[in-house]
Amino acid sequence: MSLDPTLVSDLQAVLRDVPDFPKPGIVFKDITPMLADPRLFGRVVNAMSAPFRGQHITKVVGVESRGFLLGAPIALALEAGFVPARKPGKLPHKRIVERYSLEYGADGVEMHEDAILKDERVLVVDDVLATGGTADATGRLISRLGGQIVGYSFLITLDFLEGAKRLGPDKVTSVLRF
């Protein structure tokens, strides 16, 4: 993937680290300054969707909650439907759940049971790839519903946590790597 040569530096200039959030020892990557800049946000959406253009994506699954903010415009850019993958108890209709562990505890992710149809081509979107637990659980839900995971698109990958190995490095794209 060929990025706008200034995109990485522009992002690094606005993203901020928040130490000890949500728990001590975790460094949270705050993307809200990027979201507040419409031109930069648009460039990010373009960069995250570009590797998947022409791959016949039918659904984009955004992972709660920042994956919603990135996934919805990426779905529009790819002319695909958008599906939210949420924390348990947040969806109103019949749903399936997948449990997982993450770097600071355990959680679950769920989707409506009719969100993905058999053989739909699916892109999973989130802001940060850390250990890969959330994205992996989301991928398992998609597979259980009969969807085909085409790839995973992240704004940031924390390489030292090796989440891409869990997902399959050939399926993972990222704008920034730390």
C-alpha atoms as a PDB file:
ATOM      1  CA  MET A   1       0.000   0.000   0.000  1.00  0.00           C
ATOM      2  CA  SER A   2       1.359   3.417  -0.936  1.00  0.00           C
ATOM      3  CA  LEU A   3       0.511   6.057   1.654  1.00  0.00           C
ATOM      4  CA  ASP A   4       0.402   9.794   1.232  1.00  0.00           C
ATOM      5  CA  PRO A   5       3.990  10.588   2.288  1.00  0.00           C
ATOM      6  CA  THR A   6       2.878  13.175   4.810  1.00  0.00           C
ATOM      7  CA  LEU A   7       0.029  11.164   6.348  1.00  0.00           C
ATOM      8  CA  VAL A   8       2.186   9.313   8.874  1.00  0.00           C
ATOM      9  CA  SER A   9       3.902  12.474  10.088  1.00  0.00           C
ATOM     10  CA  ASP A  10       0.613  14.402  10.183  1.00  0.00           C
ATOM     11  CA  LEU A  11      -0.960  11.654  12.284  1.00  0.00           C
ATOM     12  CA  GLN A  12       2.009  11.426  14.632  1.00  0.00           C
ATOM     13  CA  ALA A  13       1.723  15.170  15.186  1.00  0.00           C
ATOM     14  CA  VAL A  14      -1.895  14.982  16.411  1.00  0.00           C
ATOM     15  CA  LEU A  15      -2.358  11.584  18.061  1.00  0.00           C
ATOM     16  CA  ARG A  16      -1.623  11.572  21.757  1.00  0.00           C
ATOM     17  CA  ASP A  17      -0.615   8.973  24.301  1.00  0.00           C
ATOM     18  CA  VAL A  18      -2.602   8.848  27.536  1.00  0.00           C
ATOM     19  CA  PRO A  19      -0.675   6.857  30.157  1.00  0.00           C
ATOM     20  CA  ASP A  20      -2.429   4.543  32.619  1.00  0.00           C
ATOM     21  CA  PHE A  21      -5.752   4.506  30.771  1.00  0.00           C
ATOM     22  CA  PRO A  22      -7.991   2.557  31.103  1.00  0.00           C
ATOM     23  CA  LYS A  23      -5.798   0.805  33.689  1.00  0.00           C
ATOM     24  CA  PRO A  24      -2.329   1.362  35.136  1.00  0.00           C
ATOM     25  CA  GLY A  25       0.421   0.307  32.743  1.00  0.00           C
ATOM     26  CA  ILE A  26      -1.679   0.773  29.584  1.00  0.00           C
ATOM     27  CA  VAL A  27      -0.796   3.609  27.200  1.00  0.00           C
ATOM     28  CA  PHE A  28      -4.003   4.632  25.398  1.00  0.00           C
ATOM     29  CA  LYS A  29      -3.682   5.986  21.838  1.00  0.00           C
ATOM     30  CA  ASP A  30      -6.133   8.921  21.645  1.00  0.00           C
ATOM     31  CA  ILE A  31      -7.392   9.434  18.088  1.00  0.00           C
ATOM     32  CA  THR A  32      -9.898  12.222  18.852  1.00  0.00           C
ATOM     33  CA  PRO A  33      -7.621  15.034  17.569  1.00  0.00           C
ATOM     34  CA  MET A  34      -7.485  13.245  14.188  1.00  0.00           C
ATOM     35  CA  LEU A  35     -11.282  12.897  14.151  1.00  0.00           C
ATOM     36  CA  ALA A  36     -11.627  16.654  14.745  1.00  0.00           C
ATOM     37  CA  ASP A  37      -9.645  17.466  11.586  1.00  0.00           C
ATOM     38  CA  PRO A  38     -11.923  16.700   8.601  1.00  0.00           C
ATOM     39  CA  ARG A  39      -9.128  16.686   6.017  1.00  0.00           C
ATOM     40  CA  LEU A  40      -6.888  14.402   8.059  1.00  0.00           C
ATOM     41  CA  PHE A  41      -9.834  12.144   8.940  1.00  0.00           C
ATOM     42  CA  GLY A  42     -10.699  11.879   5.234  1.00  0.00           C
ATOM     43  CA  ARG A  43      -7.102  10.989   4.367  1.00  0.00           C
ATOM     44  CA  VAL A  44      -7.143   8.274   7.041  1.00  0.00           C
ATOM     45  CA  VAL A  45     -10.404   6.798   5.713  1.00  0.00           C
ATOM     46  CA  ASN A  46      -8.916   6.764   2.210  1.00  0.00           C
ATOM     47  CA  ALA A  47      -5.681   5.116   3.407  1.00  0.00           C
ATOM     48  CA  MET A  48      -7.521   2.465   5.423  1.00  0.00           C
ATOM     49  CA  SER A  49      -9.943   1.586   2.612  1.00  0.00           C
ATOM     50  CA  ALA A  50      -7.466   1.754  -0.316  1.00  0.00           C
ATOM     51  CA  PRO A  51      -5.980  -1.762   0.069  1.00  0.00           C
ATOM     52  CA  PHE A  52      -9.472  -3.251  -0.148  1.00  0.00           C
ATOM     53  CA  ARG A  53     -10.837  -1.407  -3.176  1.00  0.00           C
ATOM     54  CA  GLY A  54     -11.744  -3.845  -5.928  1.00  0.00           C
ATOM     55  CA  GLN A  55     -11.918  -6.792  -3.499  1.00  0.00           C
ATOM     56  CA  HIS A  56     -15.733  -6.893  -3.548  1.00  0.00           C
ATOM     57  CA  ILE A  57     -16.195  -6.181   0.159  1.00  0.00           C
ATOM     58  CA  THR A  58     -19.897  -6.527   0.992  1.00  0.00           C
ATOM     59  CA  LYS A  59     -19.739  -5.713   4.724  1.00  0.00           C
ATOM     60  CA  VAL A  60     -17.436  -3.696   6.943  1.00  0.00           C
ATOM     61  CA  VAL A  61     -17.528  -4.681  10.610  1.00  0.00           C
ATOM     62  CA  GLY A  62     -16.523  -1.885  12.984  1.00  0.00           C
ATOM     63  CA  VAL A  63     -15.427  -2.949  16.460  1.00  0.00           C
ATOM     64  CA  GLU A  64     -16.794  -0.981  19.425  1.00  0.00           C
ATOM     65  CA  SER A  65     -16.398   1.817  19.775  1.00  0.00           C
ATOM     66  CA  ARG A  66     -13.736   3.644  17.825  1.00  0.00           C
ATOM     67  CA  GLY A  67     -14.054   1.031  15.088  1.00  0.00           C
ATOM     68  CA  PHE A  68     -17.534   2.481  14.478  1.00  0.00           C
ATOM     69  CA  LEU A  69     -16.051   5.927  13.832  1.00  0.00           C
ATOM     70  CA  LEU A  70     -13.613   4.550  11.254  1.00  0.00           C
ATOM     71  CA  GLY A  71     -15.645   1.630   9.922  1.00  0.00           C
ATOM     72  CA  ALA A  72     -18.770   3.517   8.865  1.00  0.00           C
ATOM     73  CA  PRO A  73     -16.987   5.942   6.492  1.00  0.00           C
ATOM     74  CA  ILE A  74     -14.793   3.094   5.212  1.00  0.00           C
ATOM     75  CA  ALA A  75     -17.957   1.106   4.431  1.00  0.00           C
ATOM     76  CA  LEU A  76     -19.272   4.080   2.451  1.00  0.00           C
ATOM     77  CA  ALA A  77     -15.943   4.416   0.618  1.00  0.00           C
ATOM     78  CA  LEU A  78     -16.097   0.715  -0.327  1.00  0.00           C
ATOM     79  CA  GLU A  79     -19.832   0.820  -1.145  1.00  0.00           C
ATOM     80  CA  ALA A  80     -20.426  -1.858   1.484  1.00  0.00           C
ATOM     81  CA  GLY A  81     -22.833  -2.285   4.362  1.00  0.00           C
ATOM     82  CA  PHE A  82     -21.749  -1.492   7.915  1.00  0.00           C
ATOM     83  CA  VAL A  83     -22.110  -3.879  10.878  1.00  0.00           C
ATOM     84  CA  PRO A  84     -21.328  -2.924  14.474  1.00  0.00           C
ATOM     85  CA  ALA A  85     -19.541  -5.483  16.656  1.00  0.00           C
ATOM     86  CA  ARG A  86     -20.505  -4.479  20.204  1.00  0.00           C
ATOM     87  CA  LYS A  87     -19.808  -5.311  23.801  1.00  0.00           C
ATOM     88  CA  PRO A  88     -22.334  -7.799  25.235  1.00  0.00           C
ATOM     89  CA  GLY A  89     -25.797  -6.495  26.054  1.00  0.00           C
ATOM     90  CA  LYS A  90     -25.755  -3.471  23.709  1.00  0.00           C
ATOM     91  CA  LEU A  91     -27.598  -4.867  20.672  1.00  0.00           C
ATOM     92  CA  PRO A  92     -31.410  -5.058  20.662  1.00  0.00           C
ATOM     93  CA  HIS A  93     -32.041  -8.016  18.331  1.00  0.00           C
ATOM     94  CA  LYS A  94     -31.080 -11.715  18.410  1.00  0.00           C
ATOM     95  CA  ARG A  95     -27.309 -11.893  18.698  1.00  0.00           C
ATOM     96  CA  ILE A  96     -24.320 -14.199  19.025  1.00  0.00           C
ATOM     97  CA  VAL A  97     -21.408 -13.585  21.372  1.00  0.00           C
ATOM     98  CA  GLU A  98     -17.740 -14.529  21.421  1.00  0.00           C
ATOM     99  CA  ARG A  99     -15.596 -14.208  24.555  1.00  0.00           C
ATOM    100  CA  TYR A 100     -11.909 -13.236  24.483  1.00  0.00           C
ATOM    101  CA  SER A 101      -9.073 -12.050  26.676  1.00  0.00           C
ATOM    102  CA  LEU A 102      -7.188  -8.818  26.138  1.00  0.00           C
ATOM    103  CA  GLU A 103      -4.089  -7.164  27.524  1.00  0.00           C
ATOM    104  CA  TYR A 104      -5.933  -5.818  30.574  1.00  0.00           C
ATOM    105  CA  GLY A 105      -8.675  -8.378  31.324  1.00  0.00           C
ATOM    106  CA  ALA A 106     -11.449 -10.348  29.618  1.00  0.00           C
ATOM    107  CA  ASP A 107     -14.482  -9.279  27.606  1.00  0.00           C
ATOM    108  CA  GLY A 108     -16.816 -10.321  24.819  1.00  0.00           C
ATOM    109  CA  VAL A 109     -18.041  -9.068  21.479  1.00  0.00           C
ATOM    110  CA  GLU A 110     -21.391  -9.714  19.817  1.00  0.00           C
ATOM    111  CA  MET A 111     -23.234  -9.088  16.579  1.00  0.00           C
ATOM    112  CA  HIS A 112     -26.786  -9.563  15.410  1.00  0.00           C
ATOM    113  CA  GLU A 113     -27.186 -13.115  14.175  1.00  0.00           C
ATOM    114  CA  ASP A 114     -28.428 -11.850  10.786  1.00  0.00           C
ATOM    115  CA  ALA A 115     -25.704  -9.201  10.321  1.00  0.00           C
ATOM    116  CA  ILE A 116     -23.507 -11.273   8.006  1.00  0.00           C
ATOM    117  CA  LEU A 117     -24.882 -13.556   5.316  1.00  0.00           C
ATOM    118  CA  LYS A 118     -23.216 -16.746   4.079  1.00  0.00           C
ATOM    119  CA  ASP A 119     -20.220 -16.054   1.822  1.00  0.00           C
ATOM    120  CA  GLU A 120     -20.299 -12.280   2.279  1.00  0.00           C
ATOM    121  CA  ARG A 121     -16.846 -10.718   1.942  1.00  0.00           C
ATOM    122  CA  VAL A 122     -16.031  -8.892   5.161  1.00  0.00           C
ATOM    123  CA  LEU A 123     -13.477  -6.309   6.256  1.00  0.00           C
ATOM    124  CA  VAL A 124     -12.913  -5.805  10.006  1.00  0.00           C
ATOM    125  CA  VAL A 125     -11.993  -2.256  11.079  1.00  0.00           C
ATOM    126  CA  ASP A 126     -10.708  -0.915  14.385  1.00  0.00           C
ATOM    127  CA  ASP A 127      -8.467   1.881  15.555  1.00  0.00           C
ATOM    128  CA  VAL A 128      -5.703  -0.075  17.323  1.00  0.00           C
ATOM    129  CA  LEU A 129      -4.381  -3.613  16.956  1.00  0.00           C
ATOM    130  CA  ALA A 130      -2.726  -4.672  20.209  1.00  0.00           C
ATOM    131  CA  THR A 131      -2.788  -8.375  21.138  1.00  0.00           C
ATOM    132  CA  GLY A 132      -5.469  -9.115  18.544  1.00  0.00           C
ATOM    133  CA  GLY A 133      -7.978 -10.580  21.009  1.00  0.00           C
ATOM    134  CA  THR A 134     -10.894  -8.344  20.065  1.00  0.00           C
ATOM    135  CA  ALA A 135     -10.299  -8.582  16.313  1.00  0.00           C
ATOM    136  CA  ASP A 136      -9.826 -12.354  16.538  1.00  0.00           C
ATOM    137  CA  ALA A 137     -13.111 -12.757  18.446  1.00  0.00           C
ATOM    138  CA  THR A 138     -14.837 -10.570  15.855  1.00  0.00           C
ATOM    139  CA  GLY A 139     -13.388 -12.731  13.089  1.00  0.00           C
ATOM    140  CA  ARG A 140     -14.687 -15.862  14.805  1.00  0.00           C
ATOM    141  CA  LEU A 141     -18.181 -14.332  14.921  1.00  0.00           C
ATOM    142  CA  ILE A 142     -18.007 -13.518  11.213  1.00  0.00           C
ATOM    143  CA  SER A 143     -16.917 -17.081  10.427  1.00  0.00           C
ATOM    144  CA  ARG A 144     -19.680 -18.549  12.597  1.00  0.00           C
ATOM    145  CA  LEU A 145     -22.191 -16.521  10.557  1.00  0.00           C
ATOM    146  CA  GLY A 146     -20.701 -17.825   7.286  1.00  0.00           C
ATOM    147  CA  GLY A 147     -18.808 -14.724   6.214  1.00  0.00           C
ATOM    148  CA  GLN A 148     -15.381 -14.688   4.569  1.00  0.00           C
ATOM    149  CA  ILE A 149     -12.832 -12.415   6.213  1.00  0.00           C
ATOM    150  CA  VAL A 150     -11.001 -10.561   3.464  1.00  0.00           C
ATOM    151  CA  GLY A 151      -8.850  -8.548   5.853  1.00  0.00           C
ATOM    152  CA  TYR A 152      -8.383  -6.341   8.879  1.00  0.00           C
ATOM    153  CA  SER A 153      -7.738  -2.607   8.615  1.00  0.00           C
ATOM    154  CA  PHE A 154      -6.314  -0.678  11.576  1.00  0.00           C
ATOM    155  CA  LEU A 155      -5.236   2.903  12.052  1.00  0.00           C
ATOM    156  CA  ILE A 156      -2.462   1.816  14.469  1.00  0.00           C
ATOM    157  CA  THR A 157      -0.677  -1.478  15.070  1.00  0.00           C
ATOM    158  CA  LEU A 158       1.360  -1.978  18.235  1.00  0.00           C
ATOM    159  CA  ASP A 159       3.887  -4.397  16.705  1.00  0.00           C
ATOM    160  CA  PHE A 160       5.509  -5.337  20.023  1.00  0.00           C
ATOM    161  CA  LEU A 161       2.244  -7.028  21.122  1.00  0.00           C
ATOM    162  CA  GLU A 162       2.235  -9.253  18.000  1.00  0.00           C
ATOM    163  CA  GLY A 163      -1.505  -9.126  17.330  1.00  0.00           C
ATOM    164  CA  ALA A 164      -0.971  -9.464  13.575  1.00  0.00           C
ATOM    165  CA  LYS A 165       0.444 -12.978  14.114  1.00  0.00           C
ATOM    166  CA  ARG A 166      -2.844 -13.976  15.719  1.00  0.00           C
ATOM    167  CA  LEU A 167      -4.907 -12.672  12.781  1.00  0.00           C
ATOM    168  CA  GLY A 168      -2.628 -13.684   9.927  1.00  0.00           C
ATOM    169  CA  PRO A 169      -0.098 -10.996   8.971  1.00  0.00           C
ATOM    170  CA  ASP A 170      -1.055 -11.194   5.297  1.00  0.00           C
ATOM    171  CA  LYS A 171      -4.592 -10.057   6.168  1.00  0.00           C
ATOM    172  CA  VAL A 172      -3.608  -7.067   8.366  1.00  0.00           C
ATOM    173  CA  THR A 173      -3.084  -3.514   7.116  1.00  0.00           C
ATOM    174  CA  SER A 174      -2.241  -0.512   9.237  1.00  0.00           C
ATOM    175  CA  VAL A 175      -1.505   3.162   8.659  1.00  0.00           C
ATOM    176  CA  LEU A 176       0.826   3.559  11.669  1.00  0.00           C
ATOM    177  CA  ARG A 177       3.052   1.036  13.404  1.00  0.00           C
ATOM    178  CA  PHE A 178       4.653   1.376  16.823  1.00  0.00           C
END
